Structures are given as C-alpha cells and as structure tokens.
C-alpha cells in the first residue's frame, strides 16, 4: 500500500490506524513502514485489513494512492509520480 500526505511519518501512520481500528485491529493488520520518501510511504499491511487501513487513512487525511502485492511494483508504479 502506498500512502501520501504532507508531513507523513511512522507515528502519524500508526496513530491513524490505532485511532480507527484500535489496538487489537492494529495488531491484526500488522502495518510495517517499508519506505518513506518525500511525502509518500510504502506500508506493508495484512491483506485482510487493507480496506480497514484505507478507511483509517481517510479519517486522518492521508490518501492511499495505490495498492500492490509486490514491493517492486509499488515502487515503480507509485513512488516515481
């Protein structure tokens, strides 16, 4: 999953998910920050919780610009925009 926002960082991503899903949902989604570049972040999320994490981002004004199952493809497709 690739997310974009002004001032995006690991703490902002974690707080957005915890605020929406709670601690239990956070632990089930298993979000991991893979790469942070400018105002974009590649985040690894359990595939069962992709829709929930996208909803969490909507409420915290972080936009999800794409989802890919392969990290290389996510970098090529979304990080170079």
PDB file of N, CA and C in Angstrom:
ATOM      1  N   UNK A   1       0.847  -1.157   0.000  1.00  0.00           N
ATOM      2  CA  UNK A   1       0.000   0.000   0.000  1.00  0.00           C
ATOM      3  C   UNK A   1       0.900   1.229   0.000  1.00  0.00           C
ATOM      4  N   UNK A   2       0.569   2.208  -0.825  1.00  0.00           N
ATOM      5  CA  UNK A   2       1.323   3.444  -0.878  1.00  0.00           C
ATOM      6  C   UNK A   2       0.404   4.573  -0.424  1.00  0.00           C
ATOM      7  N   UNK A   3       0.866   5.334   0.564  1.00  0.00           N
ATOM      8  CA  UNK A   3       0.086   6.439   1.116  1.00  0.00           C
ATOM      9  C   UNK A   3       0.822   7.744   0.874  1.00  0.00           C
ATOM     10  N   UNK A   4       0.054   8.835   0.815  1.00  0.00           N
ATOM     11  CA  UNK A   4       0.640  10.140   0.549  1.00  0.00           C
ATOM     12  C   UNK A   4      -0.030  11.185   1.440  1.00  0.00           C
ATOM     13  N   UNK A   5       0.780  12.062   2.034  1.00  0.00           N
ATOM     14  CA  UNK A   5       0.260  13.173   2.835  1.00  0.00           C
ATOM     15  C   UNK A   5       1.413  14.099   3.171  1.00  0.00           C
ATOM     16  N   UNK A   6       1.086  15.348   3.463  1.00  0.00           N
ATOM     17  CA  UNK A   6       2.097  16.302   3.924  1.00  0.00           C
ATOM     18  C   UNK A   6       2.577  15.885   5.301  1.00  0.00           C
ATOM     19  N   UNK A   7       3.867  15.837   5.487  1.00  0.00           N
ATOM     20  CA  UNK A   7       4.437  15.514   6.793  1.00  0.00           C
ATOM     21  C   UNK A   7       4.167  14.090   7.252  1.00  0.00           C
ATOM     22  N   UNK A   8       4.062  13.164   6.331  1.00  0.00           N
ATOM     23  CA  UNK A   8       3.785  11.771   6.711  1.00  0.00           C
ATOM     24  C   UNK A   8       5.016  11.169   7.391  1.00  0.00           C
ATOM     25  N   UNK A   9       4.773  10.437   8.453  1.00  0.00           N
ATOM     26  CA  UNK A   9       5.851   9.730   9.151  1.00  0.00           C
ATOM     27  C   UNK A   9       5.264   8.497   9.832  1.00  0.00           C
ATOM     28  N   UNK A  10       6.136   7.702  10.419  1.00  0.00           N
ATOM     29  CA  UNK A  10       5.710   6.436  11.025  1.00  0.00           C
ATOM     30  C   UNK A  10       4.675   6.654  12.130  1.00  0.00           C
ATOM     31  N   UNK A  11       4.895   7.651  12.971  1.00  0.00           N
ATOM     32  CA  UNK A  11       3.970   7.902  14.079  1.00  0.00           C
ATOM     33  C   UNK A  11       2.587   8.298  13.583  1.00  0.00           C
ATOM     34  N   UNK A  12       2.539   9.134  12.552  1.00  0.00           N
ATOM     35  CA  UNK A  12       1.241   9.567  12.016  1.00  0.00           C
ATOM     36  C   UNK A  12       0.465   8.379  11.442  1.00  0.00           C
ATOM     37  N   UNK A  13       1.166   7.488  10.755  1.00  0.00           N
ATOM     38  CA  UNK A  13       0.528   6.302  10.188  1.00  0.00           C
ATOM     39  C   UNK A  13      -0.004   5.398  11.300  1.00  0.00           C
ATOM     40  N   UNK A  14       0.830   5.150  12.301  1.00  0.00           N
ATOM     41  CA  UNK A  14       0.422   4.284  13.409  1.00  0.00           C
ATOM     42  C   UNK A  14      -0.767   4.866  14.165  1.00  0.00           C
ATOM     43  N   UNK A  15      -0.742   6.167  14.448  1.00  0.00           N
ATOM     44  CA  UNK A  15      -1.851   6.795  15.181  1.00  0.00           C
ATOM     45  C   UNK A  15      -3.147   6.755  14.369  1.00  0.00           C
ATOM     46  N   UNK A  16      -3.043   6.937  13.056  1.00  0.00           N
ATOM     47  CA  UNK A  16      -4.241   6.883  12.211  1.00  0.00           C
ATOM     48  C   UNK A  16      -4.897   5.509  12.293  1.00  0.00           C
ATOM     49  N   UNK A  17      -4.087   4.465  12.234  1.00  0.00           N
ATOM     50  CA  UNK A  17      -4.627   3.104  12.270  1.00  0.00           C
ATOM     51  C   UNK A  17      -5.160   2.765  13.657  1.00  0.00           C
ATOM     52  N   UNK A  18      -4.431   3.123  14.701  1.00  0.00           N
ATOM     53  CA  UNK A  18      -4.873   2.833  16.071  1.00  0.00           C
ATOM     54  C   UNK A  18      -6.153   3.589  16.407  1.00  0.00           C
ATOM     55  N   UNK A  19      -6.255   4.851  15.983  1.00  0.00           N
ATOM     56  CA  UNK A  19      -7.458   5.643  16.265  1.00  0.00           C
ATOM     57  C   UNK A  19      -8.699   5.016  15.631  1.00  0.00           C
ATOM     58  N   UNK A  20      -8.553   4.430  14.458  1.00  0.00           N
ATOM     59  CA  UNK A  20      -9.713   3.864  13.761  1.00  0.00           C
ATOM     60  C   UNK A  20      -9.960   2.399  14.127  1.00  0.00           C
ATOM     61  N   UNK A  21      -8.910   1.582  14.154  1.00  0.00           N
ATOM     62  CA  UNK A  21      -9.070   0.147  14.381  1.00  0.00           C
ATOM     63  C   UNK A  21      -8.884  -0.273  15.834  1.00  0.00           C
ATOM     64  N   UNK A  22      -8.253   0.563  16.620  1.00  0.00           N
ATOM     65  CA  UNK A  22      -7.950   0.195  17.995  1.00  0.00           C
ATOM     66  C   UNK A  22      -6.674  -0.644  18.043  1.00  0.00           C
ATOM     67  N   UNK A  23      -6.255  -0.972  19.233  1.00  0.00           N
ATOM     68  CA  UNK A  23      -5.008  -1.713  19.414  1.00  0.00           C
ATOM     69  C   UNK A  23      -5.123  -3.132  18.863  1.00  0.00           C
ATOM     70  N   UNK A  24      -6.259  -3.777  19.068  1.00  0.00           N
ATOM     71  CA  UNK A  24      -6.446  -5.137  18.567  1.00  0.00           C
ATOM     72  C   UNK A  24      -6.428  -5.161  17.041  1.00  0.00           C
ATOM     73  N   UNK A  25      -7.134  -4.240  16.413  1.00  0.00           N
ATOM     74  CA  UNK A  25      -7.140  -4.159  14.956  1.00  0.00           C
ATOM     75  C   UNK A  25      -5.766  -3.829  14.402  1.00  0.00           C
ATOM     76  N   UNK A  26      -5.037  -2.978  15.114  1.00  0.00           N
ATOM     77  CA  UNK A  26      -3.674  -2.631  14.713  1.00  0.00           C
ATOM     78  C   UNK A  26      -2.787  -3.869  14.713  1.00  0.00           C
ATOM     79  N   UNK A  27      -2.916  -4.678  15.763  1.00  0.00           N
ATOM     80  CA  UNK A  27      -2.076  -5.877  15.857  1.00  0.00           C
ATOM     81  C   UNK A  27      -2.458  -6.914  14.799  1.00  0.00           C
ATOM     82  N   UNK A  28      -3.716  -6.946  14.384  1.00  0.00           N
ATOM     83  CA  UNK A  28      -4.143  -7.884  13.342  1.00  0.00           C
ATOM     84  C   UNK A  28      -3.747  -7.404  11.948  1.00  0.00           C
ATOM     85  N   UNK A  29      -3.736  -6.100  11.737  1.00  0.00           N
ATOM     86  CA  UNK A  29      -3.378  -5.541  10.434  1.00  0.00           C
ATOM     87  C   UNK A  29      -1.871  -5.646  10.170  1.00  0.00           C
ATOM     88  N   UNK A  30      -1.082  -5.696  11.222  1.00  0.00           N
ATOM     89  CA  UNK A  30       0.374  -5.811  11.154  1.00  0.00           C
ATOM     90  C   UNK A  30       0.985  -4.790  10.181  1.00  0.00           C
ATOM     91  N   UNK A  31       0.749  -3.490  10.388  1.00  0.00           N
ATOM     92  CA  UNK A  31       1.336  -2.498   9.482  1.00  0.00           C
ATOM     93  C   UNK A  31       2.838  -2.331   9.720  1.00  0.00           C
ATOM     94  N   UNK A  32       3.586  -2.267   8.624  1.00  0.00           N
ATOM     95  CA  UNK A  32       5.035  -2.044   8.696  1.00  0.00           C
ATOM     96  C   UNK A  32       5.404  -0.989   7.671  1.00  0.00           C
ATOM     97  N   UNK A  33       6.150   0.006   8.104  1.00  0.00           N
ATOM     98  CA  UNK A  33       6.632   1.032   7.197  1.00  0.00           C
ATOM     99  C   UNK A  33       7.843   0.477   6.457  1.00  0.00           C
ATOM    100  N   UNK A  34       7.737   0.353   5.155  1.00  0.00           N
ATOM    101  CA  UNK A  34       8.804  -0.210   4.340  1.00  0.00           C
ATOM    102  C   UNK A  34       9.722   0.885   3.814  1.00  0.00           C
ATOM    103  N   UNK A  35       9.142   1.952   3.296  1.00  0.00           N
ATOM    104  CA  UNK A  35       9.934   3.027   2.697  1.00  0.00           C
ATOM    105  C   UNK A  35       9.214   4.354   2.872  1.00  0.00           C
ATOM    106  N   UNK A  36       9.978   5.387   3.156  1.00  0.00           N
ATOM    107  CA  UNK A  36       9.447   6.740   3.313  1.00  0.00           C
ATOM    108  C   UNK A  36      10.263   7.656   2.423  1.00  0.00           C
ATOM    109  N   UNK A  37       9.591   8.324   1.485  1.00  0.00           N
ATOM    110  CA  UNK A  37      10.293   9.165   0.513  1.00  0.00           C
ATOM    111  C   UNK A  37       9.445  10.390   0.231  1.00  0.00           C
ATOM    112  N   UNK A  38       9.971  11.565   0.514  1.00  0.00           N
ATOM    113  CA  UNK A  38       9.264  12.828   0.355  1.00  0.00           C
ATOM    114  C   UNK A  38       7.953  12.777   1.127  1.00  0.00           C
ATOM    115  N   UNK A  39       6.816  12.860   0.449  1.00  0.00           N
ATOM    116  CA  UNK A  39       5.514  12.821   1.124  1.00  0.00           C
ATOM    117  C   UNK A  39       4.780  11.507   0.877  1.00  0.00           C
ATOM    118  N   UNK A  40       5.530  10.448   0.516  1.00  0.00           N
ATOM    119  CA  UNK A  40       4.920   9.153   0.226  1.00  0.00           C
ATOM    120  C   UNK A  40       5.543   8.071   1.091  1.00  0.00           C
ATOM    121  N   UNK A  41       4.739   7.056   1.395  1.00  0.00           N
ATOM    122  CA  UNK A  41       5.212   5.945   2.217  1.00  0.00           C
ATOM    123  C   UNK A  41       4.686   4.630   1.660  1.00  0.00           C
ATOM    124  N   UNK A  42       5.556   3.629   1.639  1.00  0.00           N
ATOM    125  CA  UNK A  42       5.126   2.279   1.295  1.00  0.00           C
ATOM    126  C   UNK A  42       4.912   1.548   2.609  1.00  0.00           C
ATOM    127  N   UNK A  43       3.713   0.998   2.776  1.00  0.00           N
ATOM    128  CA  UNK A  43       3.331   0.344   4.018  1.00  0.00           C
ATOM    129  C   UNK A  43       2.894  -1.082   3.709  1.00  0.00           C
ATOM    130  N   UNK A  44       3.421  -2.023   4.455  1.00  0.00           N
ATOM    131  CA  UNK A  44       3.011  -3.417   4.336  1.00  0.00           C
ATOM    132  C   UNK A  44       1.878  -3.656   5.329  1.00  0.00           C
ATOM    133  N   UNK A  45       0.783  -4.242   4.840  1.00  0.00           N
ATOM    134  CA  UNK A  45      -0.394  -4.487   5.680  1.00  0.00           C
ATOM    135  C   UNK A  45      -0.923  -5.884   5.366  1.00  0.00           C
ATOM    136  N   UNK A  46      -1.440  -6.562   6.380  1.00  0.00           N
ATOM    137  CA  UNK A  46      -2.102  -7.850   6.167  1.00  0.00           C
ATOM    138  C   UNK A  46      -3.221  -7.647   5.144  1.00  0.00           C
ATOM    139  N   UNK A  47      -3.269  -8.511   4.132  1.00  0.00           N
ATOM    140  CA  UNK A  47      -4.206  -8.308   3.027  1.00  0.00           C
ATOM    141  C   UNK A  47      -5.668  -8.314   3.450  1.00  0.00           C
ATOM    142  N   UNK A  48      -5.988  -8.941   4.563  1.00  0.00           N
ATOM    143  CA  UNK A  48      -7.369  -8.967   5.048  1.00  0.00           C
ATOM    144  C   UNK A  48      -7.811  -7.615   5.604  1.00  0.00           C
ATOM    145  N   UNK A  49      -6.848  -6.726   5.911  1.00  0.00           N
ATOM    146  CA  UNK A  49      -7.152  -5.453   6.552  1.00  0.00           C
ATOM    147  C   UNK A  49      -6.856  -4.246   5.676  1.00  0.00           C
ATOM    148  N   UNK A  50      -6.635  -4.453   4.394  1.00  0.00           N
ATOM    149  CA  UNK A  50      -6.323  -3.336   3.503  1.00  0.00           C
ATOM    150  C   UNK A  50      -7.460  -2.318   3.477  1.00  0.00           C
ATOM    151  N   UNK A  51      -8.693  -2.777   3.353  1.00  0.00           N
ATOM    152  CA  UNK A  51      -9.837  -1.851   3.312  1.00  0.00           C
ATOM    153  C   UNK A  51      -9.984  -1.090   4.622  1.00  0.00           C
ATOM    154  N   UNK A  52      -9.736  -1.753   5.746  1.00  0.00           N
ATOM    155  CA  UNK A  52      -9.832  -1.092   7.046  1.00  0.00           C
ATOM    156  C   UNK A  52      -8.760  -0.012   7.204  1.00  0.00           C
ATOM    157  N   UNK A  53      -7.556  -0.308   6.758  1.00  0.00           N
ATOM    158  CA  UNK A  53      -6.468   0.667   6.858  1.00  0.00           C
ATOM    159  C   UNK A  53      -6.738   1.842   5.926  1.00  0.00           C
ATOM    160  N   UNK A  54      -7.269   1.575   4.738  1.00  0.00           N
ATOM    161  CA  UNK A  54      -7.630   2.666   3.833  1.00  0.00           C
ATOM    162  C   UNK A  54      -8.688   3.570   4.470  1.00  0.00           C
ATOM    163  N   UNK A  55      -9.651   2.982   5.157  1.00  0.00           N
ATOM    164  CA  UNK A  55     -10.679   3.765   5.851  1.00  0.00           C
ATOM    165  C   UNK A  55     -10.057   4.596   6.965  1.00  0.00           C
ATOM    166  N   UNK A  56      -9.109   4.025   7.686  1.00  0.00           N
ATOM    167  CA  UNK A  56      -8.421   4.765   8.755  1.00  0.00           C
ATOM    168  C   UNK A  56      -7.690   5.968   8.177  1.00  0.00           C
ATOM    169  N   UNK A  57      -7.086   5.800   7.014  1.00  0.00           N
ATOM    170  CA  UNK A  57      -6.363   6.904   6.384  1.00  0.00           C
ATOM    171  C   UNK A  57      -7.302   8.020   5.951  1.00  0.00           C
ATOM    172  N   UNK A  58      -8.492   7.671   5.506  1.00  0.00           N
ATOM    173  CA  UNK A  58      -9.459   8.692   5.088  1.00  0.00           C
ATOM    174  C   UNK A  58      -9.781   9.629   6.246  1.00  0.00           C
ATOM    175  N   UNK A  59      -9.983   9.069   7.433  1.00  0.00           N
ATOM    176  CA  UNK A  59     -10.334   9.884   8.592  1.00  0.00           C
ATOM    177  C   UNK A  59      -9.173  10.723   9.106  1.00  0.00           C
ATOM    178  N   UNK A  60      -7.945  10.375   8.746  1.00  0.00           N
ATOM    179  CA  UNK A  60      -6.797  11.139   9.221  1.00  0.00           C
ATOM    180  C   UNK A  60      -6.158  11.963   8.106  1.00  0.00           C
ATOM    181  N   UNK A  61      -6.878  12.128   7.003  1.00  0.00           N
ATOM    182  CA  UNK A  61      -6.440  12.946   5.871  1.00  0.00           C
ATOM    183  C   UNK A  61      -5.131  12.471   5.247  1.00  0.00           C
ATOM    184  N   UNK A  62      -4.962  11.159   5.192  1.00  0.00           N
ATOM    185  CA  UNK A  62      -3.858  10.525   4.470  1.00  0.00           C
ATOM    186  C   UNK A  62      -4.495   9.823   3.280  1.00  0.00           C
ATOM    187  N   UNK A  63      -3.975  10.067   2.097  1.00  0.00           N
ATOM    188  CA  UNK A  63      -4.581   9.425   0.919  1.00  0.00           C
ATOM    189  C   UNK A  63      -3.800   8.182   0.519  1.00  0.00           C
ATOM    190  N   UNK A  64      -4.533   7.156   0.190  1.00  0.00           N
ATOM    191  CA  UNK A  64      -3.948   5.916  -0.315  1.00  0.00           C
ATOM    192  C   UNK A  64      -3.916   6.050  -1.832  1.00  0.00           C
ATOM    193  N   UNK A  65      -2.717   6.105  -2.409  1.00  0.00           N
ATOM    194  CA  UNK A  65      -2.627   6.316  -3.855  1.00  0.00           C
ATOM    195  C   UNK A  65      -2.500   5.017  -4.628  1.00  0.00           C
ATOM    196  N   UNK A  66      -2.396   3.896  -3.916  1.00  0.00           N
ATOM    197  CA  UNK A  66      -2.358   2.630  -4.629  1.00  0.00           C
ATOM    198  C   UNK A  66      -2.057   1.446  -3.740  1.00  0.00           C
ATOM    199  N   UNK A  67      -2.437   0.272  -4.232  1.00  0.00           N
ATOM    200  CA  UNK A  67      -2.186  -0.976  -3.523  1.00  0.00           C
ATOM    201  C   UNK A  67      -1.567  -1.947  -4.518  1.00  0.00           C
ATOM    202  N   UNK A  68      -0.521  -2.616  -4.071  1.00  0.00           N
ATOM    203  CA  UNK A  68       0.138  -3.605  -4.904  1.00  0.00           C
ATOM    204  C   UNK A  68       0.586  -4.752  -4.018  1.00  0.00           C
ATOM    205  N   UNK A  69       0.584  -5.940  -4.556  1.00  0.00           N
ATOM    206  CA  UNK A  69       1.018  -7.103  -3.800  1.00  0.00           C
ATOM    207  C   UNK A  69       2.521  -7.317  -3.846  1.00  0.00           C
ATOM    208  N   UNK A  70       3.212  -6.546  -4.702  1.00  0.00           N
ATOM    209  CA  UNK A  70       4.650  -6.712  -4.885  1.00  0.00           C
ATOM    210  C   UNK A  70       5.334  -5.378  -4.621  1.00  0.00           C
ATOM    211  N   UNK A  71       6.334  -5.374  -3.737  1.00  0.00           N
ATOM    212  CA  UNK A  71       7.016  -4.139  -3.375  1.00  0.00           C
ATOM    213  C   UNK A  71       7.692  -3.471  -4.565  1.00  0.00           C
ATOM    214  N   UNK A  72       8.326  -4.258  -5.410  1.00  0.00           N
ATOM    215  CA  UNK A  72       8.999  -3.696  -6.579  1.00  0.00           C
ATOM    216  C   UNK A  72       8.002  -2.957  -7.472  1.00  0.00           C
ATOM    217  N   UNK A  73       6.849  -3.542  -7.662  1.00  0.00           N
ATOM    218  CA  UNK A  73       5.814  -2.922  -8.498  1.00  0.00           C
ATOM    219  C   UNK A  73       5.285  -1.632  -7.844  1.00  0.00           C
ATOM    220  N   UNK A  74       5.122  -1.639  -6.531  1.00  0.00           N
ATOM    221  CA  UNK A  74       4.658  -0.445  -5.824  1.00  0.00           C
ATOM    222  C   UNK A  74       5.661   0.697  -5.989  1.00  0.00           C
ATOM    223  N   UNK A  75       6.936   0.379  -5.865  1.00  0.00           N
ATOM    224  CA  UNK A  75       7.967   1.408  -6.042  1.00  0.00           C
ATOM    225  C   UNK A  75       7.940   1.975  -7.456  1.00  0.00           C
ATOM    226  N   UNK A  76       7.888   1.093  -8.438  1.00  0.00           N
ATOM    227  CA  UNK A  76       7.903   1.530  -9.835  1.00  0.00           C
ATOM    228  C   UNK A  76       6.661   2.348 -10.197  1.00  0.00           C
ATOM    229  N   UNK A  77       5.528   1.898  -9.754  1.00  0.00           N
ATOM    230  CA  UNK A  77       4.263   2.481 -10.187  1.00  0.00           C
ATOM    231  C   UNK A  77       3.869   3.748  -9.417  1.00  0.00           C
ATOM    232  N   UNK A  78       4.112   3.777  -8.112  1.00  0.00           N
ATOM    233  CA  UNK A  78       3.561   4.858  -7.305  1.00  0.00           C
ATOM    234  C   UNK A  78       4.596   5.825  -6.715  1.00  0.00           C
ATOM    235  N   UNK A  79       5.811   5.382  -6.476  1.00  0.00           N
ATOM    236  CA  UNK A  79       6.783   6.254  -5.820  1.00  0.00           C
ATOM    237  C   UNK A  79       7.437   7.252  -6.775  1.00  0.00           C
ATOM    238  N   UNK A  80       7.378   6.998  -8.069  1.00  0.00           N
ATOM    239  CA  UNK A  80       8.020   7.879  -9.035  1.00  0.00           C
ATOM    240  C   UNK A  80       7.079   8.896  -9.640  1.00  0.00           C
ATOM    241  N   UNK A  81       5.899   9.044  -9.102  1.00  0.00           N
ATOM    242  CA  UNK A  81       4.936  10.027  -9.627  1.00  0.00           C
ATOM    243  C   UNK A  81       5.323  11.414  -9.232  1.00  0.00           C
TER     244      UNK A  81
END
